[in-house]
Protein backbone atom coordinates (compact mmCIF):
# COMPACT_ATOMS: atom_id res chain seq x y z
CA UNK A 1 0.00 0.00 0.00
CA UNK A 2 1.39 3.39 -0.87
CA UNK A 3 1.48 5.82 2.00
CA UNK A 4 0.41 9.40 1.92
CA UNK A 5 2.66 11.95 3.55
CA UNK A 6 0.34 12.14 6.56
CA UNK A 7 0.31 8.36 7.06
CA UNK A 8 3.70 7.53 8.55
CA UNK A 9 4.64 4.70 10.93
CA UNK A 10 7.08 6.86 12.88
CA UNK A 11 7.20 9.80 15.24
CA UNK A 12 10.07 11.92 16.44
CA UNK A 13 11.24 11.84 20.04
CA UNK A 14 14.11 13.43 21.97
CA UNK A 15 16.73 10.85 20.94
CA UNK A 16 15.68 10.01 17.39
CA UNK A 17 12.63 8.35 15.87
CA UNK A 18 10.16 5.78 17.19
CA UNK A 19 8.93 3.40 14.48
CA UNK A 20 5.93 1.08 14.74
CA UNK A 21 6.51 -2.23 12.97
CA UNK A 22 4.37 -5.22 11.97
CA UNK A 23 6.75 -8.17 11.82
CA UNK A 24 6.17 -11.54 10.15
CA UNK A 25 8.77 -14.16 11.13
CA UNK A 26 9.44 -17.40 9.17
CA UNK A 27 9.02 -15.54 5.88
CA UNK A 28 10.48 -16.64 2.56
CA UNK A 29 12.88 -13.69 2.46
CA UNK A 30 14.03 -10.73 4.55
CA UNK A 31 12.30 -7.64 3.18
CA UNK A 32 10.63 -4.38 4.07
CA UNK A 33 7.23 -4.29 2.39
CA UNK A 34 6.30 -0.68 3.08
CA UNK A 35 3.71 1.17 5.10
CA UNK A 36 0.35 -0.38 5.92
CA UNK A 37 -2.67 1.34 7.42
CA UNK A 38 -4.21 -0.61 10.29
CA UNK A 39 -7.94 -0.89 10.97
CA UNK A 40 -7.61 1.65 13.79
CA UNK A 41 -6.16 4.22 11.37
CA UNK A 42 -2.58 3.92 12.61
CA UNK A 43 0.32 3.12 10.30
CA UNK A 44 2.94 0.38 10.62
CA UNK A 45 6.03 -0.51 8.63
CA UNK A 46 5.60 -4.11 7.39
CA UNK A 47 8.71 -6.25 7.72
CA UNK A 48 9.22 -9.92 6.90
CA UNK A 49 12.21 -11.90 8.17
CA UNK A 50 13.27 -15.49 7.60
CA UNK A 51 14.36 -15.88 11.23
CA UNK A 52 12.23 -17.84 13.67
CA UNK A 53 10.61 -16.11 16.66
CA UNK A 54 12.79 -17.96 19.17
CA UNK A 55 15.14 -16.44 21.75
CA UNK A 56 15.14 -13.05 20.02
CA UNK A 57 16.31 -14.32 16.62
CA UNK A 58 13.51 -12.61 14.69
CA UNK A 59 14.02 -9.35 16.62
CA UNK A 60 17.74 -9.42 15.84
CA UNK A 61 16.96 -10.01 12.15
CA UNK A 62 14.53 -7.06 12.14
CA UNK A 63 17.14 -4.76 13.69
CA UNK A 64 19.79 -5.91 11.20
CA UNK A 65 17.43 -5.40 8.24
CA UNK A 66 16.37 -1.93 9.40
CA UNK A 67 19.96 -0.91 10.07
CA UNK A 68 21.05 -1.95 6.60
CA UNK A 69 18.07 -0.27 4.90
CA UNK A 70 18.55 3.00 6.80
CA UNK A 71 22.35 3.04 6.80
CA UNK A 72 22.63 3.11 10.60
CA UNK A 73 24.54 0.73 12.88
CA UNK A 74 22.52 -1.97 14.64
CA UNK A 75 23.60 -0.40 17.93
CA UNK A 76 21.52 2.70 17.05
CA UNK A 77 18.31 0.63 17.02
CA UNK A 78 16.61 -0.42 20.25
CA UNK A 79 13.48 -2.51 20.70
CA UNK A 80 11.18 -0.42 22.91
CA UNK A 81 8.09 -2.65 23.04
CA UNK A 82 6.64 -5.83 21.58
CA UNK A 83 9.49 -8.24 22.26
CA UNK A 84 7.23 -11.28 21.72
CA UNK A 85 4.46 -9.60 19.69
CA UNK A 86 4.11 -9.10 15.95
CA UNK A 87 3.58 -5.38 16.46
CA UNK A 88 6.75 -3.77 17.78
CA UNK A 89 8.15 -0.33 18.43
CA UNK A 90 11.81 0.46 17.87
CA UNK A 91 13.79 3.61 18.62
CA UNK A 92 16.38 4.63 16.06
CA UNK A 93 18.94 7.11 17.37
CA UNK A 94 20.50 9.56 14.97
CA UNK A 95 19.81 12.59 12.82
CA UNK A 96 16.03 12.91 12.99
CA UNK A 97 15.58 14.62 9.62
CA UNK A 98 17.81 12.13 7.79
CA UNK A 99 16.06 9.18 9.44
CA UNK A 100 12.61 10.59 8.65
CA UNK A 101 13.59 10.99 5.00
CA UNK A 102 15.02 7.47 4.77
CA UNK A 103 11.94 5.98 6.45
CA UNK A 104 9.61 7.89 4.13
CA UNK A 105 11.42 6.34 1.14
CA UNK A 106 10.89 2.83 2.56
CA UNK A 107 7.14 3.40 2.55
């Protein structure tokens, strides 16, 4: 689904950007599918990873994929909520404007 400029899965905070994700583990390939609007009107960034949801493997794969796509080190990405859920929130530390632009391109 293409996202409008007002429908974004992220918000700025003091240290960087908080991004809401919808993660599907055990996928056929690691990929970022873009922005999806949820039934409640919120937006999430859809991510599929081949890793299994066991002992943090899928979460680690999500962080690695996001880091590569956004050009930031994995250490700049922190899982804030949703450790065992499909819907997760991550904080990405760094230049807010650059991150916002890179995330908008993913959508």
